[in-house]
Amino acid sequence: MEISSLKSKFYEKFGHEAEEGYFAPGRVNLIGEHTDYNGGFVFPCAISFGNYCLIRRTDLNKIKLKSLNMPFEADISVDELNKAVGKEWINYPIGVFAQFLKKGHHFKAGLDMLFYGDVPPGAGLSSSAAIEVVTAVAINSAFGLGYNPVDLALMGQKAEHEFAGVQCGIMDQFASAMGKKDHAVYLNCDTLSYQHVPLDLGDYSIVISNTNSPHKLDSGKYNQRVSECRQAVADLQKGKNFQYLAELTISDFETINHFITDEQVRKRAQHVVSETDRTKKAVEALSKGNLVLFGQLMTASHQSLKDDYEVTGFQLDTMNEEALKVEGVLGSRMTGGGFGGCTVSIVHKDAVDTFIQQVGAGYTEKTGLTPKFYVAQTSDGGKRIF
């Protein structure tokens, strides 16, 4: 939606002009899945789909929250910005306000806030993180609070933990806050050290394939994987002193994995250790221009997520299988938390139209669902746009 249209919608909703506008992108993770909360490496890039937030300061002691995507609207007293409201979408921005309150900031002035997102909800492209980050950027700027983008990403993560009940790692919010156009972010989720790596794919494009089988991280399966990884750490610490699964090399894991007695827990740990290794190799391959190896590592990542981490499912596996049948595809994998959502594929530019037609037809035939496809464009992180 054009900025002028958003401004018009703000006027319709609130009866006056918006003073400022902000944008934070969603993300697609190229490789490094379910490693972030295990202290590992991830390699996401921010995308041009995201969430917008238009604001106007008011003299009222309340925050008015409205959305062009969701019908629910609310006026929240500035004294109650630390209380969840059922399971409504406004818990994401409220959760961010709560993080500022924890840091000692009290909002004496109010805000009118209008949100609009063009990230497909439930697609695994971090629509929730984009809402959190755009809210944090808007609050930080509107009230002149002076936090840096990493601080804002961490506030968004805390909001997800405390107000959405998802014990996510830092990747989604970090990518949304720290993205850079034409680059991916190589992030160490333990230390938060990062590098912007040029995303030079030459004659290839990033194609996101939406299964239209929405994932629901709050279903409990995501948190179950977090718990299983913690159990793996507790078991493996009997053989080695370490803190996170991602600290272990493949050799380390092979030496001490007998301390894990639960086969399911062992498989979870095996994925994390191998995925961390794949991510390191993939970034190195991209830096050297070896796109073939990069694609192979992506495909191996999906297989591990299917067999060891068990977060793919019929729709994602079908999409992946259909993608790999197309000539000109270097690699394909699920992206995001799993349990539905999207795959990401590296596709030759001359094969993109064929990819969309052929994969779409094959996927629909096998699942009965109609997918959507997006050729991803990279984006900068959260920022003011007017």
Protein backbone atom coordinates (compact mmCIF):
# COMPACT_ATOMS: atom_id res chain seq x y z
CA MET A 1 0.00 0.00 0.00
CA GLU A 2 1.28 3.47 -0.88
CA ILE A 3 2.25 5.80 1.98
CA SER A 4 -0.31 8.32 0.77
CA SER A 5 -3.04 5.69 1.08
CA LEU A 6 -1.91 4.81 4.59
CA LYS A 7 -2.04 8.48 5.55
CA SER A 8 -5.59 8.68 4.19
CA LYS A 9 -6.59 5.60 6.18
CA PHE A 10 -5.12 7.14 9.32
CA TYR A 11 -7.23 10.24 8.82
CA GLU A 12 -10.33 8.09 8.31
CA LYS A 13 -9.64 6.17 11.51
CA PHE A 14 -8.64 9.04 13.79
CA GLY A 15 -9.97 12.24 12.23
CA HIS A 16 -6.60 13.96 11.99
CA GLU A 17 -3.31 13.65 10.14
CA ALA A 18 -0.55 11.23 11.05
CA GLU A 19 2.62 12.95 12.28
CA GLU A 20 5.13 10.20 11.62
CA GLY A 21 5.35 6.83 9.88
CA TYR A 22 7.59 3.82 10.45
CA PHE A 23 8.31 0.49 8.76
CA ALA A 24 9.91 -2.75 9.93
CA PRO A 25 10.45 -5.70 7.59
CA GLY A 26 9.68 -9.36 7.88
CA ARG A 27 12.46 -11.80 7.17
CA VAL A 28 13.26 -14.99 5.36
CA ASN A 29 15.89 -17.22 6.90
CA LEU A 30 18.14 -18.71 4.24
CA ILE A 31 19.67 -21.31 6.55
CA GLY A 32 20.15 -21.87 10.29
CA GLU A 33 16.76 -23.01 11.59
CA HIS A 34 15.95 -23.63 15.27
CA THR A 35 19.54 -22.77 16.12
CA ASP A 36 18.87 -19.29 17.49
CA TYR A 37 17.56 -20.32 20.91
CA ASN A 38 20.37 -22.88 21.03
CA GLY A 39 23.12 -20.26 20.85
CA GLY A 40 23.87 -20.93 17.20
CA PHE A 41 24.27 -19.08 13.92
CA VAL A 42 21.48 -17.95 11.63
CA PHE A 43 21.51 -16.33 8.19
CA PRO A 44 18.33 -14.34 7.53
CA CYS A 45 17.68 -11.38 5.27
CA ALA A 46 15.06 -8.70 5.79
CA ILE A 47 12.45 -8.59 3.02
CA SER A 48 10.34 -5.84 1.49
CA PHE A 49 7.15 -7.16 3.09
CA GLY A 50 6.67 -5.87 6.61
CA ASN A 51 4.60 -3.83 9.03
CA TYR A 52 3.86 -0.13 8.97
CA CYS A 53 2.96 2.03 11.93
CA LEU A 54 1.63 5.57 11.63
CA ILE A 55 1.36 7.66 14.78
CA ARG A 56 0.19 10.94 16.22
CA ARG A 57 0.88 12.19 19.74
CA THR A 58 -2.14 13.18 21.84
CA ASP A 59 -2.83 14.85 25.17
CA LEU A 60 -4.86 11.86 26.33
CA ASN A 61 -3.42 9.34 28.77
CA LYS A 62 -4.17 6.42 26.48
CA ILE A 63 -2.78 4.56 23.52
CA LYS A 64 -5.28 4.00 20.72
CA LEU A 65 -4.43 0.89 18.68
CA LYS A 66 -6.05 0.23 15.31
CA SER A 67 -5.16 -1.99 12.36
CA LEU A 68 -6.05 -2.21 8.69
CA ASN A 69 -5.63 -5.99 8.90
CA MET A 70 -7.53 -6.86 12.06
CA PRO A 71 -11.00 -5.68 13.16
CA PHE A 72 -10.18 -5.55 16.88
CA GLU A 73 -9.39 -2.03 18.18
CA ALA A 74 -8.61 -0.81 21.68
CA ASP A 75 -7.89 2.23 23.82
CA ILE A 76 -5.39 1.26 26.48
CA SER A 77 -4.65 3.49 29.47
CA VAL A 78 -0.96 4.37 29.76
CA ASP A 79 -1.19 2.84 33.24
CA GLU A 80 -2.20 -0.55 31.83
CA LEU A 81 0.42 -1.07 29.16
CA ASN A 82 1.70 -4.17 30.91
CA LYS A 83 -1.48 -6.25 30.74
CA ALA A 84 -2.34 -8.68 27.95
CA VAL A 85 -5.75 -8.44 26.30
CA GLY A 86 -7.02 -11.95 25.61
CA LYS A 87 -5.29 -13.33 22.53
CA GLU A 88 -5.68 -10.23 20.38
CA TRP A 89 -3.07 -8.85 17.97
CA ILE A 90 -2.64 -5.76 20.16
CA ASN A 91 -0.67 -7.86 22.65
CA TYR A 92 2.35 -7.52 20.37
CA PRO A 93 2.55 -3.71 20.60
CA ILE A 94 1.39 -3.74 24.24
CA GLY A 95 4.16 -6.21 25.01
CA VAL A 96 6.68 -3.78 23.56
CA PHE A 97 5.32 -0.87 25.59
CA ALA A 98 5.69 -3.10 28.65
CA GLN A 99 9.42 -3.49 27.97
CA PHE A 100 9.88 0.29 28.00
CA LEU A 101 7.94 0.46 31.27
CA LYS A 102 10.31 -2.10 32.77
CA LYS A 103 13.20 0.17 31.88
CA GLY A 104 11.61 2.98 33.87
CA HIS A 105 9.89 4.93 31.10
CA HIS A 106 6.39 6.15 31.93
CA PHE A 107 4.24 7.53 29.15
CA LYS A 108 2.48 10.72 30.21
CA ALA A 109 1.35 11.52 26.68
CA GLY A 110 -0.79 9.31 24.50
CA LEU A 111 -0.49 8.04 20.95
CA ASP A 112 -2.85 7.23 18.13
CA MET A 113 -1.32 4.25 16.34
CA LEU A 114 -2.41 2.66 13.06
CA PHE A 115 -0.80 -0.60 11.94
CA TYR A 116 -0.78 -2.19 8.53
CA GLY A 117 1.11 -5.31 7.50
CA ASP A 118 1.69 -6.84 4.09
CA VAL A 119 3.58 -9.86 5.47
CA PRO A 120 1.31 -12.85 4.88
CA PRO A 121 0.19 -13.80 8.41
CA GLY A 122 0.99 -17.34 9.48
CA ALA A 123 3.51 -17.75 6.65
CA GLY A 124 6.56 -17.99 8.89
CA LEU A 125 8.02 -14.71 7.60
CA SER A 126 7.98 -13.04 11.01
CA SER A 127 4.93 -10.84 10.83
CA SER A 128 4.86 -10.78 14.64
CA ALA A 129 8.49 -9.69 14.90
CA ALA A 130 7.84 -6.94 12.34
CA ILE A 131 4.96 -5.62 14.48
CA GLU A 132 7.14 -5.71 17.59
CA VAL A 133 10.07 -3.98 15.95
CA VAL A 134 8.04 -1.30 14.20
CA THR A 135 6.33 -0.54 17.52
CA ALA A 136 9.68 -0.32 19.31
CA VAL A 137 11.16 1.93 16.62
CA ALA A 138 8.09 4.21 16.72
CA ILE A 139 8.07 4.52 20.52
CA ASN A 140 11.82 5.06 20.65
CA SER A 141 11.66 7.81 18.05
CA ALA A 142 8.41 9.48 19.12
CA PHE A 143 9.54 9.87 22.73
CA GLY A 144 13.24 10.41 21.99
CA LEU A 145 14.39 7.52 24.19
CA GLY A 146 17.70 6.88 22.45
CA TYR A 147 17.88 3.08 22.28
CA ASN A 148 19.89 1.41 19.51
CA PRO A 149 18.40 -1.16 17.10
CA VAL A 150 19.82 -4.15 18.99
CA ASP A 151 18.14 -2.90 22.19
CA LEU A 152 14.86 -2.62 20.31
CA ALA A 153 15.21 -6.14 18.88
CA LEU A 154 15.72 -7.53 22.38
CA MET A 155 12.62 -5.70 23.60
CA GLY A 156 10.64 -7.28 20.76
CA GLN A 157 11.89 -10.73 21.72
CA LYS A 158 10.87 -10.19 25.34
CA ALA A 159 7.43 -9.08 24.19
CA GLU A 160 7.08 -12.33 22.23
CA HIS A 161 8.08 -14.37 25.28
CA GLU A 162 5.85 -12.59 27.77
CA PHE A 163 2.79 -11.56 25.76
CA ALA A 164 2.58 -14.22 23.02
CA GLY A 165 3.94 -17.12 25.05
CA VAL A 166 6.45 -18.18 22.39
CA GLN A 167 9.98 -18.78 23.70
CA CYS A 168 11.59 -17.65 20.45
CA GLY A 169 15.23 -16.88 19.89
CA ILE A 170 16.45 -13.47 18.80
CA MET A 171 16.73 -14.07 15.04
CA ASP A 172 13.39 -12.69 13.86
CA GLN A 173 13.50 -9.43 15.76
CA PHE A 174 17.21 -8.95 15.05
CA ALA A 175 16.74 -9.40 11.31
CA SER A 176 13.79 -6.98 11.34
CA ALA A 177 15.75 -4.35 13.26
CA MET A 178 19.20 -4.86 11.71
CA GLY A 179 18.47 -5.85 8.11
CA LYS A 180 20.38 -4.24 5.26
CA LYS A 181 19.31 -4.06 1.63
CA ASP A 182 21.18 -6.49 -0.67
CA HIS A 183 22.67 -8.26 2.34
CA ALA A 184 21.90 -11.12 4.71
CA VAL A 185 22.72 -11.02 8.42
CA TYR A 186 25.14 -13.66 9.71
CA LEU A 187 24.30 -13.62 13.39
CA ASN A 188 25.77 -15.40 16.38
CA CYS A 189 22.68 -15.70 18.57
CA ASP A 190 24.75 -16.27 21.71
CA THR A 191 26.98 -13.19 21.56
CA LEU A 192 24.83 -11.10 19.14
CA SER A 193 27.94 -10.45 17.09
CA TYR A 194 26.91 -10.13 13.46
CA GLN A 195 28.10 -9.47 9.95
CA HIS A 196 26.22 -8.08 6.95
CA VAL A 197 27.16 -10.45 4.12
CA PRO A 198 26.55 -9.29 0.53
CA LEU A 199 23.75 -11.39 -0.96
CA ASP A 200 25.20 -11.70 -4.44
CA LEU A 201 23.21 -14.42 -6.16
CA GLY A 202 24.13 -13.47 -9.71
CA ASP A 203 21.59 -14.97 -12.12
CA TYR A 204 19.54 -16.48 -9.29
CA SER A 205 16.60 -15.22 -7.26
CA ILE A 206 15.15 -16.01 -3.86
CA VAL A 207 11.63 -17.40 -4.27
CA ILE A 208 9.38 -17.77 -1.24
CA SER A 209 6.64 -20.38 -1.61
CA ASN A 210 3.74 -20.01 0.80
CA THR A 211 2.02 -23.34 1.48
CA ASN A 212 -1.09 -21.50 2.72
CA SER A 213 -0.99 -23.96 5.59
CA PRO A 214 -0.49 -21.42 8.38
CA HIS A 215 1.92 -22.28 11.15
CA LYS A 216 0.99 -21.62 14.76
CA LEU A 217 4.01 -21.34 17.02
CA ASP A 218 1.81 -20.84 20.05
CA SER A 219 0.36 -24.32 19.53
CA GLY A 220 2.96 -25.64 21.96
CA LYS A 221 5.07 -27.62 19.51
CA TYR A 222 7.65 -24.86 19.23
CA ASN A 223 8.01 -24.59 22.99
CA GLN A 224 8.24 -28.38 23.16
CA ARG A 225 11.31 -28.28 20.89
CA VAL A 226 12.87 -25.65 23.14
CA SER A 227 12.28 -27.92 26.12
CA GLU A 228 13.73 -30.95 24.33
CA CYS A 229 16.89 -29.03 23.49
CA ARG A 230 17.29 -27.99 27.10
CA GLN A 231 16.98 -31.65 28.10
CA ALA A 232 19.67 -32.55 25.58
CA VAL A 233 22.02 -29.97 27.08
CA ALA A 234 21.39 -31.33 30.58
CA ASP A 235 22.14 -34.88 29.42
CA LEU A 236 25.23 -34.00 27.37
CA GLN A 237 26.74 -31.91 30.16
CA LYS A 238 27.51 -35.24 31.85
CA GLY A 239 30.21 -35.65 29.22
CA LYS A 240 31.33 -32.10 28.46
CA ASN A 241 31.18 -28.65 30.02
CA PHE A 242 29.22 -26.34 27.70
CA GLN A 243 26.15 -24.11 27.71
CA TYR A 244 24.45 -24.30 24.30
CA LEU A 245 24.03 -27.15 21.81
CA ALA A 246 25.47 -24.98 19.05
CA GLU A 247 28.82 -24.90 20.84
CA LEU A 248 29.31 -28.57 20.00
CA THR A 249 31.09 -29.69 16.86
CA ILE A 250 29.84 -32.74 15.02
CA SER A 251 32.82 -34.64 16.44
CA ASP A 252 31.95 -33.50 19.98
CA PHE A 253 28.39 -34.69 19.56
CA GLU A 254 29.36 -38.08 18.18
CA THR A 255 31.63 -38.58 21.19
CA ILE A 256 29.10 -37.76 23.91
CA ASN A 257 25.65 -38.33 22.43
CA HIS A 258 25.35 -41.65 24.28
CA PHE A 259 24.54 -39.61 27.40
CA ILE A 260 21.13 -38.86 25.83
CA THR A 261 18.85 -41.81 26.57
CA ASP A 262 15.73 -40.47 24.85
CA GLU A 263 16.01 -41.06 21.09
CA GLN A 264 13.72 -38.13 20.26
CA VAL A 265 15.82 -35.74 22.33
CA ARG A 266 18.96 -37.08 20.65
CA LYS A 267 17.50 -36.35 17.22
CA ARG A 268 16.66 -32.79 18.21
CA ALA A 269 20.22 -32.21 19.37
CA GLN A 270 21.63 -33.81 16.22
CA HIS A 271 19.71 -31.33 14.09
CA VAL A 272 20.98 -28.32 16.01
CA VAL A 273 24.61 -29.44 15.90
CA SER A 274 24.52 -30.33 12.21
CA GLU A 275 22.52 -27.21 11.28
CA THR A 276 25.07 -24.98 12.98
CA ASP A 277 27.80 -26.66 10.93
CA ARG A 278 25.78 -26.29 7.71
CA THR A 279 25.15 -22.60 8.36
CA LYS A 280 28.85 -21.85 8.78
CA LYS A 281 29.65 -23.73 5.58
CA ALA A 282 26.81 -22.04 3.67
CA VAL A 283 27.98 -18.53 4.52
CA GLU A 284 31.51 -19.45 3.50
CA ALA A 285 30.22 -20.92 0.24
CA LEU A 286 28.21 -17.78 -0.55
CA SER A 287 31.18 -15.56 0.22
CA LYS A 288 33.22 -17.57 -2.30
CA GLY A 289 30.47 -17.47 -4.91
CA ASN A 290 29.80 -21.20 -4.68
CA LEU A 291 26.04 -21.06 -5.10
CA VAL A 292 25.77 -24.76 -5.94
CA LEU A 293 27.14 -25.75 -2.53
CA PHE A 294 25.01 -23.10 -0.85
CA GLY A 295 21.91 -24.65 -2.42
CA GLN A 296 22.95 -28.17 -1.47
CA LEU A 297 23.34 -27.13 2.14
CA MET A 298 19.87 -25.54 2.10
CA THR A 299 18.37 -28.79 0.87
CA ALA A 300 20.25 -30.78 3.51
CA SER A 301 18.88 -28.38 6.11
CA HIS A 302 15.32 -29.21 5.12
CA GLN A 303 16.02 -32.94 5.33
CA SER A 304 17.35 -32.51 8.86
CA LEU A 305 14.36 -30.40 9.86
CA LYS A 306 12.13 -33.16 8.49
CA ASP A 307 13.87 -36.22 9.91
CA ASP A 308 15.53 -35.04 13.12
CA TYR A 309 13.61 -31.97 14.23
CA GLU A 310 10.25 -33.03 12.80
CA VAL A 311 8.87 -29.56 12.18
CA THR A 312 8.01 -29.76 8.48
CA GLY A 313 4.89 -31.79 7.78
CA PHE A 314 3.15 -32.90 4.61
CA GLN A 315 2.60 -29.47 3.04
CA LEU A 316 6.14 -28.16 3.54
CA ASP A 317 7.67 -31.46 2.44
CA THR A 318 5.50 -31.53 -0.67
CA MET A 319 6.47 -27.96 -1.56
CA ASN A 320 10.12 -28.81 -1.08
CA GLU A 321 9.90 -31.97 -3.19
CA GLU A 322 8.13 -30.17 -6.03
CA ALA A 323 10.68 -27.34 -5.98
CA LEU A 324 13.61 -29.72 -6.35
CA LYS A 325 12.07 -31.23 -9.49
CA VAL A 326 12.45 -27.94 -11.40
CA GLU A 327 15.55 -27.43 -13.52
CA GLY A 328 17.36 -24.30 -12.40
CA VAL A 329 16.70 -24.78 -8.67
CA LEU A 330 19.92 -24.95 -6.65
CA GLY A 331 18.31 -25.68 -3.29
CA SER A 332 15.12 -25.42 -1.27
CA ARG A 333 14.12 -25.66 2.37
CA MET A 334 11.42 -24.70 4.84
CA THR A 335 11.99 -21.36 6.49
CA GLY A 336 10.74 -20.13 9.84
CA GLY A 337 9.50 -22.11 12.80
CA GLY A 338 7.83 -24.78 10.71
CA PHE A 339 4.50 -26.58 11.24
CA GLY A 340 3.29 -24.88 8.05
CA GLY A 341 4.35 -21.61 6.47
CA CYS A 342 6.85 -21.18 3.65
CA THR A 343 9.78 -22.68 1.82
CA VAL A 344 12.62 -20.64 0.37
CA SER A 345 14.33 -21.66 -2.87
CA ILE A 346 17.25 -20.42 -4.94
CA VAL A 347 15.94 -20.34 -8.51
CA HIS A 348 17.58 -19.26 -11.77
CA LYS A 349 15.94 -16.06 -12.99
CA ASP A 350 15.05 -17.69 -16.32
CA ALA A 351 13.25 -20.50 -14.48
CA VAL A 352 11.17 -18.45 -12.04
CA ASP A 353 7.99 -18.46 -14.13
CA THR A 354 8.31 -22.19 -14.78
CA PHE A 355 8.98 -22.75 -11.08
CA ILE A 356 5.82 -20.93 -10.03
CA GLN A 357 3.65 -22.75 -12.58
CA GLN A 358 5.08 -26.24 -12.12
CA VAL A 359 5.52 -26.20 -8.34
CA GLY A 360 2.11 -24.61 -7.88
CA ALA A 361 0.38 -27.25 -9.99
CA GLY A 362 2.20 -30.16 -8.35
CA TYR A 363 1.58 -28.85 -4.86
CA THR A 364 -2.13 -28.23 -5.44
CA GLU A 365 -2.60 -31.67 -6.97
CA LYS A 366 -1.12 -33.37 -3.90
CA THR A 367 -2.47 -31.14 -1.11
CA GLY A 368 -5.63 -29.52 -2.46
CA LEU A 369 -4.25 -26.14 -1.37
CA THR A 370 -3.44 -23.15 -3.58
CA PRO A 371 0.01 -21.76 -2.81
CA LYS A 372 1.35 -18.25 -3.30
CA PHE A 373 4.79 -17.27 -4.52
CA TYR A 374 6.92 -14.20 -3.90
CA VAL A 375 10.22 -13.23 -5.47
CA ALA A 376 11.93 -11.77 -2.43
CA GLN A 377 13.45 -8.31 -2.44
CA THR A 378 15.78 -7.44 0.43
CA SER A 379 15.17 -4.49 2.73
CA ASP A 380 16.77 -2.29 5.35
CA GLY A 381 15.76 -2.80 8.97
CA GLY A 382 13.18 -0.88 10.98
CA LYS A 383 13.18 2.85 10.27
CA ARG A 384 11.18 6.05 10.04
CA ILE A 385 9.70 6.59 6.60
CA PHE A 386 8.20 10.08 7.00
